[in-house]
N, C-alpha and C. Protein backbone atom coordinates (compact mmCIF):
# COMPACT_ATOMS: atom_id res chain seq x y z
N MET A 1 9.02 -10.32 -8.71
CA MET A 1 7.70 -10.70 -8.51
C MET A 1 7.41 -11.13 -9.92
N PRO A 2 7.91 -12.31 -10.65
CA PRO A 2 7.47 -13.09 -12.15
C PRO A 2 5.99 -12.43 -12.29
N SER A 3 5.12 -12.96 -11.42
CA SER A 3 3.70 -12.77 -12.03
C SER A 3 2.77 -11.78 -12.41
N TYR A 4 3.99 -10.26 -11.98
CA TYR A 4 3.26 -9.13 -11.65
C TYR A 4 4.18 -8.36 -13.29
N ALA A 5 2.96 -7.48 -13.55
CA ALA A 5 3.59 -6.96 -14.76
C ALA A 5 4.56 -5.58 -14.49
N VAL A 6 5.74 -5.46 -14.98
CA VAL A 6 6.32 -4.31 -14.98
C VAL A 6 6.52 -3.40 -16.04
N ARG A 7 5.97 -2.40 -15.54
CA ARG A 7 5.71 -1.03 -16.22
C ARG A 7 7.10 -0.14 -16.28
N THR A 8 7.35 0.89 -17.65
CA THR A 8 8.66 1.80 -17.72
C THR A 8 7.82 3.01 -17.77
N PHE A 9 8.02 4.32 -17.49
CA PHE A 9 7.44 5.29 -17.89
C PHE A 9 8.89 6.28 -17.94
N LEU A 10 8.98 7.09 -19.15
CA LEU A 10 9.62 7.85 -19.32
C LEU A 10 9.76 9.13 -18.56
N LYS A 11 11.28 9.94 -18.36
CA LYS A 11 11.06 10.81 -17.49
C LYS A 11 10.08 12.18 -17.72
N TYR A 12 9.77 12.58 -16.90
CA TYR A 12 8.80 13.48 -16.93
C TYR A 12 6.83 13.64 -17.21
N SER A 13 6.85 12.06 -17.66
CA SER A 13 6.17 11.36 -18.26
C SER A 13 4.53 11.41 -17.12
N MET A 14 3.67 11.60 -17.56
CA MET A 14 2.50 11.80 -16.50
C MET A 14 1.76 9.63 -16.26
N ILE A 15 1.99 9.11 -15.12
CA ILE A 15 1.62 8.22 -14.98
C ILE A 15 0.19 7.84 -14.77
N PHE A 16 -0.36 8.66 -14.38
CA PHE A 16 -2.13 8.84 -14.25
C PHE A 16 -2.66 10.46 -13.54
N SER A 17 -3.29 10.65 -13.61
CA SER A 17 -3.67 12.23 -13.37
C SER A 17 -4.94 11.81 -12.34
N GLU A 18 -5.09 13.01 -11.58
CA GLU A 18 -6.08 13.40 -10.23
C GLU A 18 -7.47 13.31 -11.59
N GLY A 19 -8.24 12.62 -10.34
CA GLY A 19 -9.51 12.24 -10.91
C GLY A 19 -10.42 11.35 -11.71
N SER A 20 -8.78 10.76 -12.88
CA SER A 20 -9.32 9.90 -13.58
C SER A 20 -9.48 8.50 -12.84
N ARG A 21 -9.73 7.64 -13.28
CA ARG A 21 -10.33 6.28 -13.06
C ARG A 21 -8.94 5.58 -12.98
N GLY A 22 -9.37 4.40 -12.06
CA GLY A 22 -7.54 3.82 -11.96
C GLY A 22 -8.11 2.38 -11.28
N ASP A 23 -7.76 1.40 -12.31
CA ASP A 23 -7.79 0.10 -11.91
C ASP A 23 -6.42 -0.96 -11.47
N SER A 24 -5.55 0.16 -10.96
CA SER A 24 -4.23 -0.33 -10.33
C SER A 24 -3.29 0.20 -9.39
N ALA A 25 -2.63 -0.16 -8.98
CA ALA A 25 -1.53 0.29 -7.68
C ALA A 25 -0.35 0.13 -8.37
N TYR A 26 0.73 0.89 -7.85
CA TYR A 26 1.96 0.64 -8.34
C TYR A 26 2.96 0.11 -7.38
N LEU A 27 3.97 -0.56 -7.34
CA LEU A 27 4.88 -0.22 -6.39
C LEU A 27 6.32 -0.43 -7.13
N LEU A 28 6.86 1.34 -6.78
CA LEU A 28 8.02 1.66 -6.97
C LEU A 28 9.29 1.00 -7.32
N GLN A 29 10.21 0.57 -7.78
CA GLN A 29 11.47 -0.12 -8.06
C GLN A 29 12.73 1.05 -8.50
N GLU A 30 12.28 1.46 -9.50
CA GLU A 30 13.66 2.47 -10.01
C GLU A 30 12.69 4.13 -10.26
N GLY A 31 13.49 5.08 -9.82
CA GLY A 31 13.62 6.21 -10.20
C GLY A 31 12.85 6.62 -8.89
N ARG A 32 12.18 8.14 -9.40
CA ARG A 32 11.59 8.91 -8.67
C ARG A 32 9.88 9.36 -9.05
N VAL A 33 9.16 8.91 -8.41
CA VAL A 33 8.05 9.90 -8.62
C VAL A 33 6.90 11.25 -7.76
N GLU A 34 6.74 12.01 -8.80
CA GLU A 34 6.10 13.39 -7.52
C GLU A 34 4.28 12.94 -7.69
N LEU A 35 4.14 12.89 -6.47
CA LEU A 35 2.44 12.87 -6.50
C LEU A 35 2.13 14.45 -5.77
N SER A 36 0.87 14.91 -6.54
CA SER A 36 0.72 16.17 -6.56
C SER A 36 -0.86 16.39 -6.56
N LYS A 37 -1.65 17.27 -6.46
CA LYS A 37 -2.82 17.61 -6.25
C LYS A 37 -3.21 18.89 -6.51
N ASP A 38 -4.45 19.68 -7.37
CA ASP A 38 -4.75 20.61 -7.94
C ASP A 38 -5.33 21.11 -6.43
N VAL A 39 -5.09 22.05 -5.98
CA VAL A 39 -5.78 23.17 -5.05
C VAL A 39 -5.96 24.43 -5.04
N HIS A 40 -7.17 24.61 -5.34
CA HIS A 40 -7.77 26.03 -6.03
C HIS A 40 -6.91 26.63 -7.12
N GLY A 41 -6.96 25.70 -8.56
CA GLY A 41 -5.97 25.74 -9.45
C GLY A 41 -4.40 26.14 -9.32
N LYS A 42 -3.85 25.55 -8.36
CA LYS A 42 -2.52 25.66 -8.48
C LYS A 42 -1.76 23.96 -8.02
N LYS A 43 -1.01 23.90 -8.45
CA LYS A 43 -0.26 22.21 -8.17
C LYS A 43 0.10 22.27 -6.91
N LYS A 44 0.01 21.69 -5.90
CA LYS A 44 0.44 21.40 -4.59
C LYS A 44 1.19 19.99 -4.76
N VAL A 45 2.49 19.78 -4.47
CA VAL A 45 3.21 18.74 -4.44
C VAL A 45 2.94 18.15 -3.05
N LEU A 46 2.28 17.04 -2.98
CA LEU A 46 2.29 16.14 -1.93
C LEU A 46 3.38 15.02 -1.47
N ALA A 47 4.29 14.50 -2.31
CA ALA A 47 5.66 13.80 -2.22
C ALA A 47 6.31 13.45 -3.28
N ILE A 48 7.44 13.27 -2.83
CA ILE A 48 8.44 12.99 -3.74
C ILE A 48 8.57 11.42 -3.08
N LEU A 49 8.59 10.37 -4.07
CA LEU A 49 8.66 8.96 -3.25
C LEU A 49 9.75 8.43 -4.02
N ASN A 50 10.61 7.52 -3.09
CA ASN A 50 11.82 7.00 -3.99
C ASN A 50 11.09 5.29 -3.53
N PRO A 51 12.24 4.44 -4.59
CA PRO A 51 12.10 3.23 -4.35
C PRO A 51 11.97 2.38 -2.94
N VAL A 52 11.50 1.33 -2.33
CA VAL A 52 10.87 1.42 -2.69
C VAL A 52 9.35 1.52 -1.82
N ASN A 53 8.40 2.62 -2.43
CA ASN A 53 7.14 3.00 -2.41
C ASN A 53 6.16 2.55 -3.00
N MET A 54 4.92 2.33 -2.36
CA MET A 54 3.49 2.19 -3.33
C MET A 54 3.00 3.46 -3.77
N PHE A 55 2.50 3.60 -4.59
CA PHE A 55 1.35 4.58 -5.03
C PHE A 55 0.37 4.16 -5.97
N GLY A 56 -1.09 5.14 -6.03
CA GLY A 56 -1.82 4.63 -6.71
C GLY A 56 -2.90 3.76 -5.84
N GLU A 57 -2.55 3.44 -4.93
CA GLU A 57 -3.46 2.41 -4.56
C GLU A 57 -4.56 2.93 -3.53
N MET A 58 -4.80 4.41 -3.77
CA MET A 58 -6.03 4.86 -3.12
C MET A 58 -7.45 4.66 -4.22
N SER A 59 -7.22 4.53 -5.52
CA SER A 59 -8.10 4.44 -6.53
C SER A 59 -8.83 2.95 -6.28
N LEU A 60 -8.00 2.03 -5.27
CA LEU A 60 -8.30 0.32 -5.32
C LEU A 60 -9.29 0.49 -4.10
N ILE A 61 -9.09 1.38 -3.06
CA ILE A 61 -9.67 1.65 -2.16
C ILE A 61 -11.18 1.98 -2.04
N LEU A 62 -10.99 3.52 -2.86
CA LEU A 62 -12.16 4.34 -2.67
C LEU A 62 -13.04 3.40 -3.55
N ASP A 63 -14.24 3.68 -3.14
CA ASP A 63 -15.47 2.71 -3.90
C ASP A 63 -15.79 3.64 -5.50
N ASP A 64 -15.48 5.39 -5.49
CA ASP A 64 -15.86 5.45 -6.95
C ASP A 64 -14.19 5.23 -7.72
N LYS A 65 -13.28 4.68 -7.17
CA LYS A 65 -12.21 4.11 -7.82
C LYS A 65 -11.80 5.52 -8.81
N ARG A 66 -11.55 6.63 -8.09
CA ARG A 66 -11.07 7.66 -8.85
C ARG A 66 -9.59 7.92 -8.19
N ARG A 67 -8.38 8.78 -8.71
CA ARG A 67 -7.24 8.67 -8.55
C ARG A 67 -7.12 10.31 -7.54
N THR A 68 -7.01 9.92 -6.61
CA THR A 68 -6.95 11.28 -5.76
C THR A 68 -5.60 12.74 -5.92
N ALA A 69 -5.09 11.73 -6.88
CA ALA A 69 -3.60 12.33 -7.18
C ALA A 69 -3.03 12.38 -8.22
N THR A 70 -2.12 13.33 -8.75
CA THR A 70 -1.19 12.94 -10.03
C THR A 70 0.11 12.46 -10.11
N ALA A 71 0.53 11.47 -10.79
CA ALA A 71 1.50 10.70 -10.55
C ALA A 71 2.26 11.11 -11.85
N VAL A 72 3.66 11.82 -11.62
CA VAL A 72 4.86 12.39 -12.98
C VAL A 72 5.99 11.32 -12.55
N ALA A 73 6.34 10.67 -13.25
CA ALA A 73 7.94 10.32 -13.21
C ALA A 73 9.13 11.42 -13.23
N LEU A 74 9.58 11.48 -12.12
CA LEU A 74 10.82 12.29 -12.38
C LEU A 74 11.75 12.12 -12.49
N ASP A 75 12.15 10.57 -12.98
CA ASP A 75 13.13 9.84 -13.97
C ASP A 75 12.67 9.03 -14.53
N ASP A 76 13.67 8.15 -15.25
CA ASP A 76 12.85 7.22 -16.05
C ASP A 76 12.47 6.53 -14.91
N VAL A 77 11.12 5.91 -14.94
CA VAL A 77 10.59 4.64 -13.60
C VAL A 77 10.10 3.65 -14.56
N ARG A 78 10.52 2.55 -13.43
CA ARG A 78 10.31 1.26 -13.69
C ARG A 78 9.35 0.60 -12.69
N ALA A 79 8.20 0.48 -12.18
CA ALA A 79 7.18 0.11 -11.34
C ALA A 79 6.79 -1.34 -11.41
N VAL A 80 6.45 -2.61 -10.50
CA VAL A 80 5.33 -3.40 -10.84
C VAL A 80 3.79 -2.97 -10.59
N GLU A 81 3.47 -3.37 -11.64
CA GLU A 81 1.76 -2.73 -11.90
C GLU A 81 0.86 -3.87 -10.88
N LEU A 82 0.22 -3.50 -10.09
CA LEU A 82 -0.31 -4.54 -9.27
C LEU A 82 -2.10 -4.24 -9.56
N LYS A 83 -2.89 -4.80 -10.59
CA LYS A 83 -3.78 -4.92 -10.22
C LYS A 83 -5.26 -5.54 -9.04
N GLN A 84 -6.18 -4.95 -9.00
CA GLN A 84 -7.07 -5.09 -7.61
C GLN A 84 -6.64 -6.72 -7.11
N LYS A 85 -7.04 -7.54 -8.09
CA LYS A 85 -6.36 -9.17 -7.51
C LYS A 85 -5.44 -9.15 -6.83
N HIS A 86 -4.45 -8.87 -7.84
CA HIS A 86 -2.78 -8.95 -6.62
C HIS A 86 -3.11 -7.95 -5.84
N PHE A 87 -3.65 -6.92 -5.47
CA PHE A 87 -3.49 -6.08 -4.76
C PHE A 87 -4.16 -6.12 -3.39
N ASP A 88 -5.28 -6.67 -4.02
CA ASP A 88 -5.93 -7.29 -2.24
C ASP A 88 -5.19 -8.71 -1.52
N SER A 89 -4.69 -9.53 -2.50
CA SER A 89 -3.50 -10.56 -1.86
C SER A 89 -2.54 -9.89 -1.51
N PHE A 90 -1.95 -8.69 -1.81
CA PHE A 90 -0.51 -8.55 -1.35
C PHE A 90 -0.81 -7.90 -0.50
N VAL A 91 -1.82 -6.87 0.15
CA VAL A 91 -2.36 -5.99 1.50
C VAL A 91 -2.58 -7.34 2.27
N ARG A 92 -3.21 -8.33 2.31
CA ARG A 92 -3.17 -9.55 3.05
C ARG A 92 -1.89 -10.09 3.59
N GLU A 93 -1.11 -10.05 2.96
CA GLU A 93 -0.07 -11.04 2.74
C GLU A 93 1.38 -9.89 3.17
N SER A 94 1.27 -9.15 3.70
CA SER A 94 2.32 -7.48 3.86
C SER A 94 1.70 -6.70 4.88
N PRO A 95 2.09 -7.10 6.21
CA PRO A 95 1.75 -6.48 6.97
C PRO A 95 2.32 -4.87 6.92
N GLN A 96 3.24 -4.42 6.57
CA GLN A 96 3.51 -3.15 6.39
C GLN A 96 2.57 -2.00 5.83
N ILE A 97 2.53 -2.79 3.94
CA ILE A 97 1.31 -2.17 3.50
C ILE A 97 0.21 -2.26 4.14
N MET A 98 -0.72 -3.68 4.87
CA MET A 98 -1.68 -3.40 5.54
C MET A 98 -1.76 -1.90 6.65
N GLN A 99 -0.72 -1.90 7.24
CA GLN A 99 -0.54 -0.93 8.23
C GLN A 99 -0.94 0.52 7.82
N THR A 100 -0.14 0.46 6.53
CA THR A 100 -0.44 1.97 5.69
C THR A 100 -2.25 1.76 5.30
N LEU A 101 -2.59 1.06 4.78
CA LEU A 101 -4.25 0.82 4.68
C LEU A 101 -4.70 1.55 5.98
N ILE A 102 -4.21 1.26 6.89
CA ILE A 102 -5.25 0.90 8.17
C ILE A 102 -5.26 3.26 8.41
N ASP A 103 -3.78 2.97 8.24
CA ASP A 103 -3.99 5.03 8.41
C ASP A 103 -4.25 5.71 7.53
N VAL A 104 -4.23 5.14 6.38
CA VAL A 104 -5.16 5.55 5.37
C VAL A 104 -7.13 5.88 5.80
N LEU A 105 -6.89 4.50 5.86
CA LEU A 105 -8.80 4.60 6.84
C LEU A 105 -8.91 5.57 7.70
N VAL A 106 -7.84 5.72 8.61
CA VAL A 106 -8.33 6.38 9.81
C VAL A 106 -8.36 7.91 9.38
N HIS A 107 -7.38 8.26 8.37
CA HIS A 107 -6.85 9.96 7.89
C HIS A 107 -8.44 9.86 6.95
N ARG A 108 -9.23 8.43 6.80
CA ARG A 108 -10.14 9.21 5.84
C ARG A 108 -11.81 9.55 6.66
N LEU A 109 -11.57 8.74 7.41
CA LEU A 109 -12.59 8.66 8.92
C LEU A 109 -12.30 10.03 9.47
N ARG A 110 -11.15 10.36 9.77
CA ARG A 110 -10.97 11.69 10.23
C ARG A 110 -11.66 13.12 9.70
N SER A 111 -10.97 12.78 7.76
CA SER A 111 -11.66 13.88 7.23
C SER A 111 -12.52 13.96 7.16
N SER A 112 -13.75 13.27 6.68
CA SER A 112 -15.10 12.82 6.57
C SER A 112 -15.98 13.84 7.94
N THR A 113 -15.33 13.40 8.95
CA THR A 113 -15.95 13.86 10.25
C THR A 113 -15.70 15.50 10.46
N LYS A 114 -14.57 15.98 9.91
CA LYS A 114 -13.92 17.38 9.85
C LYS A 114 -15.11 17.74 8.87
N LYS A 115 -15.58 17.79 7.95
CA LYS A 115 -16.35 17.97 6.77
C LYS A 115 -17.62 17.71 7.07
N SER A 116 -18.08 16.87 7.76
CA SER A 116 -19.85 16.82 8.00
C SER A 116 -20.10 17.55 9.68
N MET A 117 -18.74 18.19 10.05
CA MET A 117 -18.82 18.69 11.39
C MET A 117 -19.17 18.37 12.73
N HIS A 118 -18.83 16.87 12.40
CA HIS A 118 -19.65 16.04 13.54
C HIS A 118 -18.22 15.40 13.95
N VAL A 119 -17.88 15.25 15.11
CA VAL A 119 -16.83 14.79 15.69
C VAL A 119 -17.46 13.26 16.64
N PRO A 120 -17.27 12.38 16.19
CA PRO A 120 -17.83 10.78 16.96
C PRO A 120 -16.86 10.94 18.30
N SER A 121 -17.87 10.49 19.06
CA SER A 121 -16.94 9.32 20.62
C SER A 121 -15.86 8.74 20.26
N LEU A 122 -15.12 8.71 20.73
CA LEU A 122 -14.17 7.61 20.56
C LEU A 122 -14.61 6.71 20.39
N PHE A 123 -15.09 6.05 21.54
CA PHE A 123 -15.85 4.48 20.89
C PHE A 123 -16.68 4.30 19.69
N GLN A 124 -17.43 5.43 19.09
CA GLN A 124 -17.97 5.83 17.83
C GLN A 124 -16.87 5.26 17.13
N GLY A 125 -15.79 6.24 17.17
CA GLY A 125 -14.88 6.17 16.30
C GLY A 125 -14.02 5.22 15.60
N VAL A 126 -13.28 4.51 17.08
CA VAL A 126 -12.68 3.51 16.95
C VAL A 126 -13.91 2.27 16.57
N CYS A 127 -14.64 2.27 16.53
CA CYS A 127 -15.69 1.23 15.89
C CYS A 127 -16.03 1.63 14.06
N ARG A 128 -16.16 2.56 13.81
CA ARG A 128 -16.06 2.73 12.64
C ARG A 128 -14.83 2.90 11.88
N THR A 129 -13.86 3.06 12.36
CA THR A 129 -12.35 2.56 11.52
C THR A 129 -12.38 0.89 11.53
N PHE A 130 -12.82 0.26 12.64
CA PHE A 130 -13.02 -1.05 12.67
C PHE A 130 -13.58 -1.51 11.35
N GLU A 131 -14.96 -0.96 11.09
CA GLU A 131 -15.16 -1.71 10.17
C GLU A 131 -15.24 -1.08 8.95
N LEU A 132 -14.55 0.07 8.58
CA LEU A 132 -13.45 0.48 7.43
C LEU A 132 -12.28 -0.55 6.74
N MET A 133 -12.09 -1.09 8.14
CA MET A 133 -10.80 -1.63 7.75
C MET A 133 -11.23 -3.06 7.27
N ALA A 134 -12.60 -3.77 8.25
CA ALA A 134 -12.92 -4.81 7.60
C ALA A 134 -13.62 -4.76 6.60
N HIS A 135 -14.24 -4.07 6.09
CA HIS A 135 -14.64 -3.71 4.80
C HIS A 135 -13.92 -3.66 3.52
N ASN A 136 -12.28 -3.22 3.77
CA ASN A 136 -11.10 -3.28 2.78
C ASN A 136 -10.49 -4.49 3.45
N GLY A 137 -11.30 -5.68 3.47
CA GLY A 137 -10.58 -6.71 4.01
C GLY A 137 -9.12 -6.90 5.30
N VAL A 138 -9.38 -5.81 6.04
CA VAL A 138 -8.04 -5.98 7.22
C VAL A 138 -9.04 -6.65 8.41
N ARG A 139 -8.47 -7.68 8.74
CA ARG A 139 -9.31 -8.22 9.77
C ARG A 139 -8.08 -8.60 11.14
N LYS A 140 -6.59 -8.24 10.66
CA LYS A 140 -5.55 -8.39 11.82
C LYS A 140 -4.91 -7.23 11.74
N CYS A 141 -4.48 -6.75 12.56
CA CYS A 141 -3.50 -5.73 12.62
C CYS A 141 -2.79 -5.68 13.99
N ASP A 142 -1.61 -4.76 13.35
CA ASP A 142 -0.12 -4.41 14.74
C ASP A 142 -1.36 -4.09 15.41
N TYR A 143 -0.89 -4.29 17.29
CA TYR A 143 -1.42 -3.81 18.41
C TYR A 143 -1.18 -2.21 18.48
N MET A 144 0.10 -2.58 18.78
CA MET A 144 0.72 -0.96 18.70
C MET A 144 0.82 0.18 17.87
N HIS A 145 0.68 -0.45 16.37
CA HIS A 145 0.52 0.41 15.88
C HIS A 145 -0.95 1.27 15.24
N THR A 146 -1.73 0.14 15.60
CA THR A 146 -3.16 0.76 15.94
C THR A 146 -3.50 1.44 16.70
N ILE A 147 -3.19 1.17 18.25
CA ILE A 147 -3.01 2.17 19.43
C ILE A 147 -2.91 3.71 18.89
N MET A 148 -1.63 3.59 18.47
CA MET A 148 -1.03 4.93 17.56
C MET A 148 -2.01 5.54 17.14
N SER A 149 -2.06 4.79 15.99
CA SER A 149 -2.65 5.90 15.07
C SER A 149 -3.98 6.25 15.37
N LEU A 150 -4.92 4.85 15.96
CA LEU A 150 -5.91 5.92 17.03
C LEU A 150 -5.85 7.10 17.78
N LYS A 151 -4.80 7.24 18.34
CA LYS A 151 -4.64 8.01 19.62
C LYS A 151 -4.60 9.51 18.72
N GLU A 152 -4.16 9.33 17.56
CA GLU A 152 -3.30 10.48 16.70
C GLU A 152 -4.40 11.10 16.26
N ALA A 153 -5.24 10.11 15.35
CA ALA A 153 -6.34 10.31 14.79
C ALA A 153 -7.73 11.46 15.55
N PHE A 154 -7.77 10.52 16.86
CA PHE A 154 -8.85 11.26 17.39
C PHE A 154 -8.75 12.18 18.28
N VAL A 155 -7.12 12.22 18.58
CA VAL A 155 -6.36 12.91 19.76
C VAL A 155 -7.17 13.03 21.36
N SER A 156 -6.89 11.48 21.61
CA SER A 156 -7.28 11.01 22.58
C SER A 156 -5.72 10.63 23.64
N PRO A 157 -6.41 10.16 24.61
CA PRO A 157 -4.91 9.70 25.71
C PRO A 157 -4.93 8.32 24.97
N GLU A 158 -3.91 7.69 25.08
CA GLU A 158 -3.73 6.39 25.25
C GLU A 158 -4.37 5.04 25.97
N ASP A 159 -4.60 5.84 27.20
CA ASP A 159 -5.40 5.09 28.14
C ASP A 159 -6.82 4.85 27.34
N LYS A 160 -7.44 5.83 27.25
CA LYS A 160 -8.72 6.17 26.72
C LYS A 160 -8.82 5.03 25.40
N VAL A 161 -8.15 4.84 24.72
CA VAL A 161 -8.06 4.17 23.90
C VAL A 161 -8.03 2.99 23.84
N LEU A 162 -7.49 2.31 25.14
CA LEU A 162 -6.85 1.48 25.41
C LEU A 162 -8.21 0.63 26.22
N ASP A 163 -8.97 1.75 26.97
CA ASP A 163 -10.22 1.77 27.67
C ASP A 163 -11.21 0.73 26.50
N ILE A 164 -11.12 1.80 25.61
CA ILE A 164 -12.18 1.17 24.20
C ILE A 164 -11.93 -0.28 23.59
N LEU A 165 -11.15 -0.84 23.45
CA LEU A 165 -10.40 -2.06 23.13
C LEU A 165 -10.69 -2.60 24.43
N TYR A 166 -10.62 -2.60 25.54
CA TYR A 166 -10.76 -3.34 26.40
C TYR A 166 -12.28 -3.98 26.57
N LYS A 167 -13.03 -2.54 26.38
CA LYS A 167 -14.29 -2.89 26.48
C LYS A 167 -14.57 -3.82 25.19
N LEU A 168 -14.22 -3.98 23.56
CA LEU A 168 -14.60 -4.16 22.69
C LEU A 168 -14.29 -5.83 23.08
N GLU A 169 -12.76 -5.92 23.85
CA GLU A 169 -12.73 -7.54 23.81
C GLU A 169 -13.57 -7.98 24.76
N HIS A 170 -14.08 -7.09 26.06
CA HIS A 170 -14.90 -7.82 26.84
C HIS A 170 -16.39 -7.84 25.97
N LEU A 171 -16.86 -7.80 25.07
CA LEU A 171 -17.67 -7.61 24.09
C LEU A 171 -17.87 -8.66 23.41
N GLY A 172 -16.67 -9.48 23.02
CA GLY A 172 -16.51 -10.46 22.34
C GLY A 172 -15.99 -9.71 20.93
N MET A 173 -15.98 -8.99 20.59
CA MET A 173 -15.73 -7.75 19.19
C MET A 173 -14.24 -8.24 18.77
N ILE A 174 -13.46 -8.16 19.68
CA ILE A 174 -11.95 -8.10 19.67
C ILE A 174 -11.14 -9.26 19.86
N GLU A 175 -9.75 -9.52 19.69
CA GLU A 175 -9.27 -10.37 21.07
C GLU A 175 -7.78 -9.97 20.22
N GLN A 176 -7.16 -10.20 21.60
CA GLN A 176 -5.49 -10.09 21.24
C GLN A 176 -4.83 -11.67 21.02
N THR A 177 -3.95 -11.31 19.57
CA THR A 177 -3.56 -12.76 19.20
C THR A 177 -2.09 -12.11 19.10
N TYR A 178 -1.31 -13.27 18.53
CA TYR A 178 -0.07 -13.06 17.98
C TYR A 178 0.57 -13.26 16.87
N SER A 179 1.34 -12.69 15.82
CA SER A 179 1.70 -13.28 14.58
C SER A 179 2.53 -14.34 14.92
N PRO A 180 2.92 -15.12 13.77
CA PRO A 180 3.99 -16.18 13.52
C PRO A 180 5.28 -15.74 14.51
N ASP A 181 5.83 -14.06 14.07
CA ASP A 181 7.03 -14.04 14.52
C ASP A 181 6.69 -13.43 16.10
N GLY A 182 5.50 -13.54 16.59
CA GLY A 182 5.14 -12.81 18.08
C GLY A 182 4.89 -11.66 18.14
N ALA A 183 4.59 -10.84 17.09
CA ALA A 183 4.21 -9.51 17.35
C ALA A 183 2.62 -9.55 17.87
N LYS A 184 2.22 -8.79 18.54
CA LYS A 184 0.98 -8.53 19.40
C LYS A 184 -0.05 -7.80 18.33
N CYS A 185 -0.70 -8.53 18.02
CA CYS A 185 -1.94 -7.98 17.43
C CYS A 185 -3.21 -8.06 17.65
N ILE A 186 -4.36 -7.52 17.06
CA ILE A 186 -5.38 -6.67 17.54
C ILE A 186 -6.51 -7.90 16.35
N THR A 187 -7.43 -8.68 16.62
CA THR A 187 -8.10 -9.74 15.58
C THR A 187 -9.46 -8.92 15.46
N LEU A 188 -10.04 -9.10 14.27
CA LEU A 188 -11.66 -8.48 14.28
C LEU A 188 -12.64 -9.65 14.39
N LEU A 189 -13.11 -10.03 15.21
CA LEU A 189 -13.85 -11.11 15.39
C LEU A 189 -15.30 -11.33 14.85
N HIS A 190 -15.89 -10.22 15.02
CA HIS A 190 -17.31 -9.52 14.40
C HIS A 190 -17.29 -8.36 13.52
N PRO A 191 -16.75 -8.10 12.62
CA PRO A 191 -16.70 -6.68 12.25
C PRO A 191 -17.74 -6.02 11.70
N ASP A 192 -18.79 -6.78 11.12
CA ASP A 192 -20.35 -6.48 11.23
C ASP A 192 -20.77 -5.61 12.44
N HIS A 193 -20.76 -6.05 12.98
CA HIS A 193 -21.48 -5.31 14.17
C HIS A 193 -20.52 -4.20 15.16
N PHE A 194 -19.98 -3.51 14.23
CA PHE A 194 -19.31 -2.46 15.09
C PHE A 194 -19.76 -1.56 15.38
N THR A 195 -20.48 -1.16 13.92
CA THR A 195 -21.27 0.70 14.27
C THR A 195 -22.48 0.32 14.70
N VAL A 196 -23.33 -1.14 14.73
CA VAL A 196 -24.31 -1.32 15.61
C VAL A 196 -24.32 -1.00 16.94
N GLU A 197 -23.43 -1.97 17.57
CA GLU A 197 -22.73 -1.87 19.12
C GLU A 197 -22.75 -0.55 19.32
N ALA A 198 -21.83 0.42 18.54
CA ALA A 198 -21.35 1.79 18.76
C ALA A 198 -23.18 2.78 18.70
N ALA A 199 -23.41 2.36 18.38
CA ALA A 199 -24.98 2.92 18.06
C ALA A 199 -25.84 2.85 19.46
N ARG A 200 -25.57 1.85 20.13
CA ARG A 200 -26.48 1.15 21.17
C ARG A 200 -26.01 1.36 22.14
N ARG A 201 -24.57 1.70 22.09
CA ARG A 201 -23.32 2.20 23.34
C ARG A 201 -24.05 3.55 23.66
N VAL A 202 -24.04 4.54 22.19
CA VAL A 202 -24.49 5.73 22.67
C VAL A 202 -25.66 6.06 23.05
N GLN A 203 -27.17 5.59 22.88
CA GLN A 203 -27.81 5.41 23.19
C GLN A 203 -28.37 5.15 24.63
N ALA A 204 -27.18 4.31 25.08
CA ALA A 204 -27.15 3.91 26.51
C ALA A 204 -26.69 5.08 27.33
N HIS A 205 -25.31 5.64 26.66
CA HIS A 205 -25.23 6.57 27.18
C HIS A 205 -25.86 8.02 27.65
N ALA A 206 -26.67 8.20 26.70
CA ALA A 206 -27.70 9.32 26.72
C ALA A 206 -28.52 9.19 27.66
N LYS A 207 -29.32 7.93 28.18
CA LYS A 207 -30.08 7.26 29.29
C LYS A 207 -29.49 7.64 30.61
N GLY A 208 -28.02 7.89 30.60
CA GLY A 208 -27.62 7.75 31.84
C GLY A 208 -27.03 6.44 32.59
N GLU A 209 -26.83 5.61 31.31
CA GLU A 209 -26.39 4.15 32.00
C GLU A 209 -25.33 3.98 31.52
N GLU A 210 -24.70 2.89 32.09
CA GLU A 210 -23.02 2.91 32.49
C GLU A 210 -22.85 2.29 30.94
N PHE A 211 -21.45 3.18 30.44
CA PHE A 211 -21.05 3.23 29.09
C PHE A 211 -20.22 2.13 29.13
């Protein structure tokens, strides 16, 4: 990756701290990195990362650009630094990173609904997830991985998730496509319409109309 900056961090040095503003993500090439959070005044280790892993990407995804964890080098570390413009193109070109991003967005939606004590219907949840994906530049995702992520996030049977996807496809909001290597994908056709359509469907359901 000659166009990207490579950063080195000495053993036990702090790479970034929780709550600080961040403008870059890192792709770990050498060494180990510990990710931790402060929970009620105590350190909670979230993960020990080995090459090749990405970390720090949440500050580029979240609107407030804050670090959600503290990263410390457990060894002498070498990592590729990805600024926002590099990260955006990297996400679009890397299916694996794109799927990680989908998982993060689904987790964020699930966490936010728990905090508000409001659990959306499955239809609303799927629509809001797709809208978050589109907002973060993801317009195409792996078919089965997305189904599994939605199934786990909303604790719903696979056939229920498939039924929602069928409804969205019937509405012309998504379509099933295939990647160059033949993998089945979901492509978002009208991402800005998902929340509006979800609200319309909920209102129709409340009136006893067909969902």
